[in-house]
Amino acid sequence: MEKREHMVHNGDVGKAEHEGHEGGHHDHHAMMVADFKRRFWISLALSLP
């Protein structure tokens, strides 16, 4: 675990930095959804006879 993440979870940083940290999770979630969709379509195409 990175030190910055550890500090955020311990409450050692200000609210503004914590809000910026939370915003990154939303972008990460969108990237994960896009990756899942891409992998799904590739798997579907490769599994067709």
N, C-alpha and C. Protein backbone atom coordinates (compact mmCIF):
# COMPACT_ATOMS: atom_id res chain seq x y z
N MET A 1 0.85 -1.17 0.00
CA MET A 1 0.00 0.00 0.00
C MET A 1 0.90 1.23 0.00
N GLU A 2 0.57 2.19 -0.82
CA GLU A 2 1.37 3.40 -0.88
C GLU A 2 1.18 4.20 0.40
N LYS A 3 2.19 4.98 0.73
CA LYS A 3 2.13 5.78 1.95
C LYS A 3 0.98 6.78 1.89
N ARG A 4 0.75 7.40 0.74
CA ARG A 4 -0.32 8.39 0.60
C ARG A 4 -1.67 7.75 0.90
N GLU A 5 -1.92 6.57 0.35
CA GLU A 5 -3.18 5.90 0.60
C GLU A 5 -3.31 5.56 2.08
N HIS A 6 -2.22 5.14 2.68
CA HIS A 6 -2.24 4.79 4.10
C HIS A 6 -2.56 6.03 4.94
N MET A 7 -1.99 7.16 4.56
CA MET A 7 -2.25 8.39 5.29
C MET A 7 -3.70 8.81 5.16
N VAL A 8 -4.28 8.65 3.97
CA VAL A 8 -5.67 9.03 3.76
C VAL A 8 -6.58 8.19 4.65
N HIS A 9 -6.32 6.92 4.73
CA HIS A 9 -7.17 6.05 5.52
C HIS A 9 -7.01 6.28 7.02
N ASN A 10 -5.87 6.83 7.42
CA ASN A 10 -5.67 7.15 8.83
C ASN A 10 -6.17 8.54 9.18
N GLY A 11 -6.60 9.33 8.20
CA GLY A 11 -7.10 10.67 8.47
C GLY A 11 -6.02 11.70 8.66
N ASP A 12 -4.82 11.47 8.14
CA ASP A 12 -3.70 12.39 8.33
C ASP A 12 -3.65 13.51 7.29
N VAL A 13 -4.57 13.53 6.34
CA VAL A 13 -4.56 14.57 5.33
C VAL A 13 -5.85 15.38 5.43
N GLY A 14 -5.85 16.54 4.79
CA GLY A 14 -7.01 17.42 4.85
C GLY A 14 -8.17 16.91 4.02
N LYS A 15 -9.31 17.55 4.22
CA LYS A 15 -10.54 17.14 3.52
C LYS A 15 -10.41 17.33 2.01
N ALA A 16 -9.79 18.41 1.58
CA ALA A 16 -9.65 18.68 0.14
C ALA A 16 -8.89 17.56 -0.54
N GLU A 17 -7.82 17.09 0.08
CA GLU A 17 -7.05 16.01 -0.53
C GLU A 17 -7.84 14.71 -0.52
N HIS A 18 -8.62 14.49 0.53
CA HIS A 18 -9.43 13.28 0.61
C HIS A 18 -10.49 13.29 -0.49
N GLU A 19 -11.10 14.45 -0.74
CA GLU A 19 -12.10 14.53 -1.81
C GLU A 19 -11.47 14.22 -3.15
N GLY A 20 -10.25 14.70 -3.39
CA GLY A 20 -9.55 14.39 -4.62
C GLY A 20 -9.27 12.91 -4.73
N HIS A 21 -8.97 12.28 -3.61
CA HIS A 21 -8.73 10.83 -3.58
C HIS A 21 -9.99 10.07 -3.96
N GLU A 22 -11.13 10.49 -3.43
CA GLU A 22 -12.40 9.81 -3.73
C GLU A 22 -12.77 9.98 -5.20
N GLY A 23 -12.49 11.14 -5.78
CA GLY A 23 -12.82 11.36 -7.19
C GLY A 23 -12.11 10.39 -8.10
N GLY A 24 -10.93 9.94 -7.72
CA GLY A 24 -10.18 8.99 -8.52
C GLY A 24 -10.85 7.63 -8.57
N HIS A 25 -11.59 7.29 -7.54
CA HIS A 25 -12.29 6.01 -7.53
C HIS A 25 -13.38 5.96 -8.58
N HIS A 26 -14.04 7.08 -8.82
CA HIS A 26 -15.09 7.10 -9.83
C HIS A 26 -14.50 6.90 -11.22
N ASP A 27 -13.39 7.53 -11.50
CA ASP A 27 -12.72 7.35 -12.79
C ASP A 27 -12.22 5.92 -12.92
N HIS A 28 -11.72 5.36 -11.84
CA HIS A 28 -11.23 3.99 -11.86
C HIS A 28 -12.38 3.03 -12.15
N HIS A 29 -13.52 3.28 -11.56
CA HIS A 29 -14.69 2.42 -11.79
C HIS A 29 -15.10 2.46 -13.25
N ALA A 30 -15.13 3.63 -13.85
CA ALA A 30 -15.50 3.77 -15.26
C ALA A 30 -14.50 3.03 -16.14
N MET A 31 -13.22 3.09 -15.79
CA MET A 31 -12.22 2.36 -16.56
C MET A 31 -12.42 0.86 -16.44
N MET A 32 -12.77 0.40 -15.24
CA MET A 32 -12.99 -1.03 -15.03
C MET A 32 -14.20 -1.53 -15.83
N VAL A 33 -15.26 -0.72 -15.88
CA VAL A 33 -16.45 -1.09 -16.65
C VAL A 33 -16.10 -1.16 -18.13
N ALA A 34 -15.37 -0.18 -18.62
CA ALA A 34 -14.97 -0.18 -20.03
C ALA A 34 -14.10 -1.38 -20.35
N ASP A 35 -13.18 -1.73 -19.45
CA ASP A 35 -12.31 -2.89 -19.65
C ASP A 35 -13.13 -4.17 -19.66
N PHE A 36 -14.09 -4.28 -18.75
CA PHE A 36 -14.94 -5.47 -18.71
C PHE A 36 -15.72 -5.63 -20.01
N LYS A 37 -16.29 -4.52 -20.50
CA LYS A 37 -17.05 -4.58 -21.76
C LYS A 37 -16.14 -5.01 -22.91
N ARG A 38 -14.94 -4.45 -22.98
CA ARG A 38 -14.01 -4.79 -24.05
C ARG A 38 -13.66 -6.28 -23.99
N ARG A 39 -13.35 -6.77 -22.80
CA ARG A 39 -13.01 -8.18 -22.64
C ARG A 39 -14.19 -9.09 -22.98
N PHE A 40 -15.40 -8.65 -22.62
CA PHE A 40 -16.59 -9.44 -22.93
C PHE A 40 -16.75 -9.61 -24.44
N TRP A 41 -16.65 -8.51 -25.18
CA TRP A 41 -16.84 -8.58 -26.63
C TRP A 41 -15.73 -9.41 -27.30
N ILE A 42 -14.51 -9.27 -26.82
CA ILE A 42 -13.42 -10.07 -27.39
C ILE A 42 -13.65 -11.54 -27.12
N SER A 43 -14.05 -11.89 -25.89
CA SER A 43 -14.32 -13.28 -25.55
C SER A 43 -15.48 -13.83 -26.36
N LEU A 44 -16.51 -13.03 -26.53
CA LEU A 44 -17.67 -13.46 -27.31
C LEU A 44 -17.26 -13.72 -28.77
N ALA A 45 -16.48 -12.84 -29.34
CA ALA A 45 -16.05 -13.01 -30.73
C ALA A 45 -15.18 -14.25 -30.90
N LEU A 46 -14.32 -14.52 -29.93
CA LEU A 46 -13.44 -15.67 -30.03
C LEU A 46 -14.15 -16.99 -29.75
N SER A 47 -15.28 -16.94 -29.06
CA SER A 47 -15.97 -18.19 -28.73
C SER A 47 -17.00 -18.61 -29.76
N LEU A 48 -17.29 -17.74 -30.71
CA LEU A 48 -18.24 -18.12 -31.77
C LEU A 48 -17.59 -19.14 -32.71
N PRO A 49 -18.35 -20.13 -33.15
CA PRO A 49 -17.78 -21.16 -34.04
C PRO A 49 -17.45 -20.62 -35.43
